[in-house]
Amino acid sequence: METILSIAGKPGLYRLVSRGKANLIVEALDDTHKRMPAFASDRVTSLADIAMYTDADDVPLWQVLKNLGEKEQGKASSLDYKKCSGKELRAYFAEVLPNYDEDRVHDSDIKKLLQWYNLLVKNDITDFEATLAPTEGDNVEDREEEQGSD
């Protein structure tokens, strides 16, 4: 199973290629496919560890991406998130995740989600549940503590 990562301070998404003694070797999911080390000082987060705030329980990112994929029929997002207004962005996102917490989910979070979705679709990663959902060996409680406000 592929591990898709986000690295704080670096744009885009990365695929885990290998593990070293003091670092991870990651490959960019953009057109460059550049490989580079990610060190312990970098804040690396697996997409499987991220959830979106809702009025009830938090929804895992893979579920939000799956909803988005169903809305867009597996194609890139029809919304130009770089040029649309905050109101348009939130109206679009309400169709994907109707009960999202409007106070804690910011416009920048929705833009990042759409950017990641487009990047994953471009790289033919569209089975979000198989790719990003935690496996039986994962400890969900440990992940929730690390989750923070992503």
N, C-alpha and C. Protein backbone atom coordinates (compact mmCIF):
# COMPACT_ATOMS: atom_id res chain seq x y z
N MET A 1 0.85 -1.18 0.00
CA MET A 1 0.00 0.00 0.00
C MET A 1 0.89 1.24 0.00
N GLU A 2 0.52 2.19 -0.84
CA GLU A 2 1.29 3.43 -0.93
C GLU A 2 1.00 4.31 0.27
N THR A 3 2.02 5.04 0.69
CA THR A 3 1.83 6.01 1.77
C THR A 3 1.98 7.39 1.17
N ILE A 4 0.93 8.17 1.22
CA ILE A 4 0.92 9.52 0.69
C ILE A 4 1.10 10.49 1.86
N LEU A 5 2.04 11.40 1.71
CA LEU A 5 2.43 12.28 2.80
C LEU A 5 2.31 13.75 2.43
N SER A 6 2.11 14.54 3.46
CA SER A 6 2.17 15.99 3.36
C SER A 6 3.34 16.43 4.24
N ILE A 7 4.15 17.36 3.76
CA ILE A 7 5.28 17.86 4.54
C ILE A 7 5.07 19.34 4.76
N ALA A 8 5.01 19.74 6.02
CA ALA A 8 4.78 21.15 6.37
C ALA A 8 5.87 22.02 5.74
N GLY A 9 5.44 23.12 5.13
CA GLY A 9 6.37 24.06 4.52
C GLY A 9 6.77 23.72 3.10
N LYS A 10 6.32 22.56 2.61
CA LYS A 10 6.62 22.16 1.24
C LYS A 10 5.30 21.95 0.51
N PRO A 11 5.16 22.51 -0.68
CA PRO A 11 3.88 22.38 -1.40
C PRO A 11 3.67 20.97 -1.94
N GLY A 12 2.43 20.62 -2.15
CA GLY A 12 2.09 19.36 -2.80
C GLY A 12 2.08 18.16 -1.87
N LEU A 13 2.09 16.99 -2.48
CA LEU A 13 2.06 15.73 -1.77
C LEU A 13 3.26 14.89 -2.18
N TYR A 14 3.58 13.92 -1.33
CA TYR A 14 4.75 13.07 -1.56
C TYR A 14 4.38 11.62 -1.31
N ARG A 15 5.08 10.73 -2.02
CA ARG A 15 4.91 9.29 -1.84
C ARG A 15 6.14 8.79 -1.10
N LEU A 16 5.93 7.99 -0.06
CA LEU A 16 7.04 7.39 0.68
C LEU A 16 7.70 6.35 -0.21
N VAL A 17 9.00 6.49 -0.43
CA VAL A 17 9.74 5.57 -1.28
C VAL A 17 10.55 4.59 -0.43
N SER A 18 11.22 5.13 0.60
CA SER A 18 12.09 4.30 1.42
C SER A 18 12.30 4.96 2.78
N ARG A 19 12.75 4.16 3.72
CA ARG A 19 13.08 4.68 5.05
C ARG A 19 14.57 4.52 5.29
N GLY A 20 15.23 5.59 5.74
CA GLY A 20 16.63 5.53 6.11
C GLY A 20 16.74 5.47 7.62
N LYS A 21 17.98 5.57 8.14
CA LYS A 21 18.16 5.53 9.60
C LYS A 21 17.60 6.77 10.27
N ALA A 22 17.83 7.93 9.67
CA ALA A 22 17.40 9.18 10.30
C ALA A 22 16.47 9.99 9.41
N ASN A 23 15.97 9.37 8.34
CA ASN A 23 15.11 10.13 7.44
C ASN A 23 14.21 9.21 6.63
N LEU A 24 13.32 9.84 5.88
CA LEU A 24 12.47 9.14 4.92
C LEU A 24 12.86 9.64 3.53
N ILE A 25 12.82 8.77 2.56
CA ILE A 25 13.03 9.20 1.18
C ILE A 25 11.65 9.31 0.55
N VAL A 26 11.32 10.49 0.06
CA VAL A 26 10.00 10.74 -0.52
C VAL A 26 10.14 11.21 -1.97
N GLU A 27 9.08 10.97 -2.73
CA GLU A 27 9.05 11.39 -4.13
C GLU A 27 7.86 12.31 -4.33
N ALA A 28 8.08 13.45 -4.95
CA ALA A 28 7.01 14.42 -5.19
C ALA A 28 5.98 13.82 -6.14
N LEU A 29 4.70 14.09 -5.87
CA LEU A 29 3.62 13.62 -6.74
C LEU A 29 3.30 14.65 -7.83
N ASP A 30 4.25 15.51 -8.15
CA ASP A 30 4.02 16.48 -9.22
C ASP A 30 4.73 15.99 -10.48
N ASP A 31 4.85 16.84 -11.47
CA ASP A 31 5.45 16.45 -12.74
C ASP A 31 6.94 16.14 -12.63
N THR A 32 7.61 16.68 -11.61
CA THR A 32 9.06 16.48 -11.48
C THR A 32 9.41 15.09 -10.95
N HIS A 33 8.57 14.52 -10.11
CA HIS A 33 8.82 13.24 -9.43
C HIS A 33 10.18 13.25 -8.73
N LYS A 34 10.56 14.43 -8.25
CA LYS A 34 11.84 14.62 -7.58
C LYS A 34 11.86 13.86 -6.26
N ARG A 35 12.95 13.17 -6.00
CA ARG A 35 13.12 12.46 -4.72
C ARG A 35 13.99 13.30 -3.81
N MET A 36 13.66 13.26 -2.51
CA MET A 36 14.42 14.03 -1.53
C MET A 36 14.24 13.40 -0.15
N PRO A 37 15.13 13.72 0.77
CA PRO A 37 14.98 13.19 2.12
C PRO A 37 14.03 14.07 2.94
N ALA A 38 13.30 13.45 3.84
CA ALA A 38 12.49 14.18 4.83
C ALA A 38 13.05 13.76 6.19
N PHE A 39 13.49 14.72 6.97
CA PHE A 39 14.15 14.45 8.23
C PHE A 39 13.18 14.51 9.41
N ALA A 40 13.64 14.08 10.56
CA ALA A 40 12.82 14.09 11.78
C ALA A 40 12.37 15.50 12.13
N SER A 41 13.14 16.51 11.73
CA SER A 41 12.77 17.90 12.03
C SER A 41 11.63 18.40 11.13
N ASP A 42 11.39 17.73 10.01
CA ASP A 42 10.27 18.09 9.13
C ASP A 42 8.98 17.55 9.73
N ARG A 43 7.91 18.31 9.63
CA ARG A 43 6.62 17.82 10.13
C ARG A 43 5.92 17.07 9.00
N VAL A 44 6.06 15.76 9.03
CA VAL A 44 5.50 14.89 7.99
C VAL A 44 4.22 14.27 8.52
N THR A 45 3.15 14.36 7.72
CA THR A 45 1.85 13.81 8.12
C THR A 45 1.32 12.93 7.00
N SER A 46 0.90 11.74 7.37
CA SER A 46 0.26 10.85 6.40
C SER A 46 -1.17 11.34 6.18
N LEU A 47 -1.65 11.28 4.95
CA LEU A 47 -3.02 11.71 4.69
C LEU A 47 -4.02 10.83 5.44
N ALA A 48 -3.62 9.61 5.78
CA ALA A 48 -4.49 8.72 6.54
C ALA A 48 -4.73 9.25 7.96
N ASP A 49 -3.88 10.16 8.42
CA ASP A 49 -4.00 10.70 9.77
C ASP A 49 -4.79 12.00 9.84
N ILE A 50 -5.28 12.48 8.72
CA ILE A 50 -5.97 13.77 8.67
C ILE A 50 -7.47 13.56 8.59
N ALA A 51 -8.20 14.45 9.28
CA ALA A 51 -9.67 14.40 9.25
C ALA A 51 -10.19 15.82 9.11
N MET A 52 -11.44 15.94 8.65
CA MET A 52 -12.08 17.24 8.52
C MET A 52 -13.10 17.39 9.64
N TYR A 53 -13.18 18.59 10.18
CA TYR A 53 -14.14 18.87 11.26
C TYR A 53 -15.57 18.91 10.72
N THR A 54 -16.49 18.30 11.46
CA THR A 54 -17.92 18.40 11.13
C THR A 54 -18.66 18.77 12.41
N ASP A 55 -19.97 18.95 12.28
CA ASP A 55 -20.78 19.26 13.46
C ASP A 55 -20.87 18.07 14.41
N ALA A 56 -20.65 16.87 13.90
CA ALA A 56 -20.68 15.66 14.74
C ALA A 56 -19.23 15.17 14.90
N ASP A 57 -18.96 13.95 14.50
CA ASP A 57 -17.60 13.41 14.57
C ASP A 57 -16.78 13.91 13.39
N ASP A 58 -15.45 13.92 13.57
CA ASP A 58 -14.57 14.28 12.47
C ASP A 58 -14.64 13.19 11.40
N VAL A 59 -14.56 13.59 10.14
CA VAL A 59 -14.64 12.65 9.02
C VAL A 59 -13.23 12.47 8.45
N PRO A 60 -12.78 11.21 8.31
CA PRO A 60 -11.44 10.97 7.77
C PRO A 60 -11.29 11.58 6.37
N LEU A 61 -10.08 12.03 6.07
CA LEU A 61 -9.82 12.68 4.80
C LEU A 61 -10.16 11.77 3.62
N TRP A 62 -9.89 10.48 3.73
CA TRP A 62 -10.17 9.57 2.61
C TRP A 62 -11.66 9.58 2.27
N GLN A 63 -12.52 9.72 3.30
CA GLN A 63 -13.96 9.74 3.05
C GLN A 63 -14.36 11.03 2.33
N VAL A 64 -13.76 12.15 2.73
CA VAL A 64 -14.04 13.43 2.08
C VAL A 64 -13.57 13.38 0.62
N LEU A 65 -12.38 12.82 0.39
CA LEU A 65 -11.87 12.69 -0.98
C LEU A 65 -12.75 11.75 -1.81
N LYS A 66 -13.24 10.70 -1.18
CA LYS A 66 -14.14 9.76 -1.88
C LYS A 66 -15.43 10.48 -2.28
N ASN A 67 -16.00 11.28 -1.35
CA ASN A 67 -17.21 12.06 -1.66
C ASN A 67 -16.94 13.03 -2.82
N LEU A 68 -15.79 13.67 -2.78
CA LEU A 68 -15.40 14.62 -3.82
C LEU A 68 -15.25 13.89 -5.16
N GLY A 69 -14.66 12.70 -5.13
CA GLY A 69 -14.50 11.90 -6.34
C GLY A 69 -15.83 11.49 -6.94
N GLU A 70 -16.79 11.16 -6.07
CA GLU A 70 -18.13 10.80 -6.54
C GLU A 70 -18.82 12.01 -7.17
N LYS A 71 -18.65 13.17 -6.55
CA LYS A 71 -19.26 14.40 -7.08
C LYS A 71 -18.67 14.74 -8.45
N GLU A 72 -17.35 14.57 -8.59
CA GLU A 72 -16.66 14.94 -9.83
C GLU A 72 -16.52 13.76 -10.80
N GLN A 73 -17.10 12.63 -10.46
CA GLN A 73 -17.06 11.42 -11.29
C GLN A 73 -15.63 11.01 -11.63
N GLY A 74 -14.74 11.10 -10.63
CA GLY A 74 -13.36 10.65 -10.80
C GLY A 74 -12.47 11.59 -11.59
N LYS A 75 -12.99 12.75 -11.96
CA LYS A 75 -12.20 13.71 -12.73
C LYS A 75 -11.71 14.83 -11.80
N ALA A 76 -10.82 15.65 -12.30
CA ALA A 76 -10.32 16.79 -11.52
C ALA A 76 -11.48 17.72 -11.14
N SER A 77 -11.29 18.47 -10.11
CA SER A 77 -12.32 19.36 -9.60
C SER A 77 -12.79 20.35 -10.66
N SER A 78 -14.10 20.52 -10.75
CA SER A 78 -14.67 21.45 -11.73
C SER A 78 -14.59 22.89 -11.23
N LEU A 79 -14.27 23.08 -9.97
CA LEU A 79 -14.19 24.42 -9.39
C LEU A 79 -12.75 24.93 -9.47
N ASP A 80 -12.55 26.14 -9.98
CA ASP A 80 -11.22 26.74 -10.00
C ASP A 80 -11.01 27.39 -8.63
N TYR A 81 -10.44 26.62 -7.71
CA TYR A 81 -10.31 27.08 -6.32
C TYR A 81 -9.36 28.26 -6.18
N LYS A 82 -8.51 28.50 -7.17
CA LYS A 82 -7.56 29.63 -7.09
C LYS A 82 -8.25 30.96 -7.36
N LYS A 83 -9.34 30.93 -8.13
CA LYS A 83 -9.98 32.17 -8.54
C LYS A 83 -11.35 32.41 -7.93
N CYS A 84 -11.94 31.41 -7.31
CA CYS A 84 -13.32 31.57 -6.81
C CYS A 84 -13.34 32.31 -5.47
N SER A 85 -14.49 32.83 -5.12
CA SER A 85 -14.65 33.54 -3.85
C SER A 85 -14.81 32.54 -2.71
N GLY A 86 -14.66 33.01 -1.50
CA GLY A 86 -14.84 32.16 -0.33
C GLY A 86 -16.25 31.60 -0.25
N LYS A 87 -17.21 32.41 -0.66
CA LYS A 87 -18.61 31.97 -0.64
C LYS A 87 -18.84 30.82 -1.63
N GLU A 88 -18.28 30.95 -2.83
CA GLU A 88 -18.39 29.88 -3.84
C GLU A 88 -17.68 28.61 -3.36
N LEU A 89 -16.52 28.79 -2.75
CA LEU A 89 -15.73 27.67 -2.23
C LEU A 89 -16.52 26.90 -1.18
N ARG A 90 -17.12 27.62 -0.24
CA ARG A 90 -17.88 26.98 0.83
C ARG A 90 -19.18 26.33 0.32
N ALA A 91 -19.82 26.94 -0.66
CA ALA A 91 -21.03 26.35 -1.24
C ALA A 91 -20.69 25.04 -1.95
N TYR A 92 -19.57 25.03 -2.67
CA TYR A 92 -19.12 23.82 -3.35
C TYR A 92 -18.79 22.74 -2.31
N PHE A 93 -18.06 23.11 -1.26
CA PHE A 93 -17.65 22.13 -0.25
C PHE A 93 -18.85 21.59 0.52
N ALA A 94 -19.87 22.40 0.69
CA ALA A 94 -21.09 21.95 1.39
C ALA A 94 -21.77 20.82 0.62
N GLU A 95 -21.57 20.77 -0.70
CA GLU A 95 -22.12 19.67 -1.49
C GLU A 95 -21.33 18.38 -1.26
N VAL A 96 -20.06 18.51 -0.93
CA VAL A 96 -19.19 17.36 -0.70
C VAL A 96 -19.33 16.84 0.73
N LEU A 97 -19.34 17.76 1.68
CA LEU A 97 -19.43 17.41 3.10
C LEU A 97 -20.44 18.37 3.75
N PRO A 98 -21.74 18.04 3.66
CA PRO A 98 -22.80 18.98 4.07
C PRO A 98 -22.71 19.48 5.51
N ASN A 99 -22.24 18.67 6.44
CA ASN A 99 -22.26 19.08 7.85
C ASN A 99 -20.88 19.50 8.35
N TYR A 100 -20.03 20.03 7.45
CA TYR A 100 -18.70 20.46 7.91
C TYR A 100 -18.84 21.64 8.86
N ASP A 101 -17.89 21.76 9.78
CA ASP A 101 -17.91 22.82 10.79
C ASP A 101 -17.40 24.11 10.15
N GLU A 102 -18.31 25.03 9.88
CA GLU A 102 -17.96 26.26 9.17
C GLU A 102 -17.02 27.16 9.97
N ASP A 103 -16.99 27.01 11.29
CA ASP A 103 -16.10 27.83 12.12
C ASP A 103 -14.67 27.31 12.11
N ARG A 104 -14.51 25.98 12.07
CA ARG A 104 -13.17 25.40 12.19
C ARG A 104 -12.54 25.00 10.85
N VAL A 105 -13.33 24.89 9.79
CA VAL A 105 -12.79 24.59 8.47
C VAL A 105 -12.66 25.92 7.73
N HIS A 106 -11.43 26.29 7.43
CA HIS A 106 -11.15 27.58 6.79
C HIS A 106 -11.11 27.43 5.27
N ASP A 107 -11.22 28.56 4.57
CA ASP A 107 -11.13 28.55 3.10
C ASP A 107 -9.82 27.90 2.65
N SER A 108 -8.73 28.19 3.36
CA SER A 108 -7.43 27.63 2.98
C SER A 108 -7.43 26.11 3.11
N ASP A 109 -8.16 25.56 4.08
CA ASP A 109 -8.26 24.10 4.23
C ASP A 109 -8.97 23.49 3.01
N ILE A 110 -10.03 24.14 2.56
CA ILE A 110 -10.80 23.63 1.42
C ILE A 110 -9.95 23.73 0.15
N LYS A 111 -9.22 24.83 -0.01
CA LYS A 111 -8.35 24.99 -1.18
C LYS A 111 -7.28 23.90 -1.19
N LYS A 112 -6.67 23.64 -0.03
CA LYS A 112 -5.63 22.61 0.05
C LYS A 112 -6.23 21.24 -0.27
N LEU A 113 -7.42 20.96 0.22
CA LEU A 113 -8.10 19.70 -0.07
C LEU A 113 -8.30 19.54 -1.58
N LEU A 114 -8.79 20.59 -2.24
CA LEU A 114 -9.02 20.54 -3.69
C LEU A 114 -7.70 20.39 -4.45
N GLN A 115 -6.66 21.05 -3.98
CA GLN A 115 -5.34 20.92 -4.60
C GLN A 115 -4.86 19.47 -4.48
N TRP A 116 -4.97 18.90 -3.29
CA TRP A 116 -4.55 17.51 -3.08
C TRP A 116 -5.39 16.56 -3.92
N TYR A 117 -6.70 16.78 -3.96
CA TYR A 117 -7.58 15.92 -4.74
C TYR A 117 -7.14 15.92 -6.21
N ASN A 118 -6.92 17.10 -6.78
CA ASN A 118 -6.51 17.21 -8.18
C ASN A 118 -5.17 16.50 -8.41
N LEU A 119 -4.25 16.64 -7.47
CA LEU A 119 -2.94 16.00 -7.58
C LEU A 119 -3.07 14.48 -7.54
N LEU A 120 -3.91 13.97 -6.65
CA LEU A 120 -4.12 12.52 -6.56
C LEU A 120 -4.77 11.98 -7.83
N VAL A 121 -5.78 12.69 -8.35
CA VAL A 121 -6.46 12.25 -9.57
C VAL A 121 -5.48 12.26 -10.75
N LYS A 122 -4.66 13.29 -10.83
CA LYS A 122 -3.68 13.39 -11.91
C LYS A 122 -2.69 12.21 -11.87
N ASN A 123 -2.43 11.69 -10.67
CA ASN A 123 -1.51 10.56 -10.51
C ASN A 123 -2.23 9.22 -10.46
N ASP A 124 -3.49 9.19 -10.92
CA ASP A 124 -4.31 7.98 -10.97
C ASP A 124 -4.47 7.31 -9.61
N ILE A 125 -4.49 8.10 -8.56
CA ILE A 125 -4.78 7.58 -7.22
C ILE A 125 -6.21 8.01 -6.92
N THR A 126 -7.16 7.13 -7.26
CA THR A 126 -8.56 7.49 -7.10
C THR A 126 -9.32 6.55 -6.17
N ASP A 127 -8.69 5.45 -5.74
CA ASP A 127 -9.32 4.58 -4.76
C ASP A 127 -8.85 5.05 -3.39
N PHE A 128 -9.45 6.12 -2.91
CA PHE A 128 -8.99 6.78 -1.69
C PHE A 128 -9.12 5.89 -0.46
N GLU A 129 -10.16 5.08 -0.42
CA GLU A 129 -10.36 4.22 0.74
C GLU A 129 -9.23 3.20 0.85
N ALA A 130 -8.87 2.56 -0.25
CA ALA A 130 -7.81 1.55 -0.22
C ALA A 130 -6.45 2.19 0.03
N THR A 131 -6.24 3.38 -0.50
CA THR A 131 -4.94 4.04 -0.39
C THR A 131 -4.74 4.73 0.95
N LEU A 132 -5.78 5.37 1.47
CA LEU A 132 -5.60 6.24 2.63
C LEU A 132 -6.27 5.75 3.91
N ALA A 133 -7.23 4.84 3.83
CA ALA A 133 -7.92 4.40 5.04
C ALA A 133 -6.97 3.60 5.92
N PRO A 134 -7.08 3.75 7.24
CA PRO A 134 -6.21 2.99 8.13
C PRO A 134 -6.48 1.49 8.01
N THR A 135 -5.42 0.72 8.16
CA THR A 135 -5.58 -0.73 8.14
C THR A 135 -5.85 -1.22 9.55
N GLU A 136 -6.19 -2.50 9.70
CA GLU A 136 -6.58 -3.04 11.00
C GLU A 136 -5.51 -2.88 12.05
N GLY A 137 -4.25 -2.87 11.68
CA GLY A 137 -3.16 -2.77 12.65
C GLY A 137 -2.96 -1.36 13.20
N ASP A 138 -3.56 -0.38 12.58
CA ASP A 138 -3.39 1.01 13.02
C ASP A 138 -4.13 1.26 14.32
N ASN A 139 -3.56 2.11 15.15
CA ASN A 139 -4.21 2.50 16.38
C ASN A 139 -4.81 3.89 16.18
N VAL A 140 -6.10 3.94 16.02
CA VAL A 140 -6.80 5.20 15.71
C VAL A 140 -6.63 6.22 16.83
N GLU A 141 -6.60 5.78 18.07
CA GLU A 141 -6.49 6.72 19.19
C GLU A 141 -5.17 7.47 19.14
N ASP A 142 -4.06 6.79 18.78
CA ASP A 142 -2.78 7.46 18.67
C ASP A 142 -2.82 8.52 17.58
N ARG A 143 -3.47 8.21 16.46
CA ARG A 143 -3.56 9.16 15.35
C ARG A 143 -4.36 10.38 15.73
N GLU A 144 -5.44 10.19 16.49
CA GLU A 144 -6.29 11.32 16.85
C GLU A 144 -5.52 12.32 17.71
N GLU A 145 -4.61 11.81 18.57
CA GLU A 145 -3.82 12.71 19.40
C GLU A 145 -2.85 13.53 18.55
N GLU A 146 -2.29 12.92 17.50
CA GLU A 146 -1.34 13.61 16.63
C GLU A 146 -2.03 14.57 15.67
N GLN A 147 -3.30 14.36 15.42
CA GLN A 147 -4.04 15.03 14.36
C GLN A 147 -3.99 16.54 14.44
N GLY A 148 -4.21 17.11 15.59
CA GLY A 148 -4.20 18.56 15.73
C GLY A 148 -5.31 19.20 14.93
N SER A 149 -5.01 20.32 14.27
CA SER A 149 -6.06 21.09 13.59
C SER A 149 -5.90 21.06 12.07
N ASP A 150 -5.39 19.97 11.51
CA ASP A 150 -5.22 19.90 10.05
C ASP A 150 -6.52 19.94 9.34
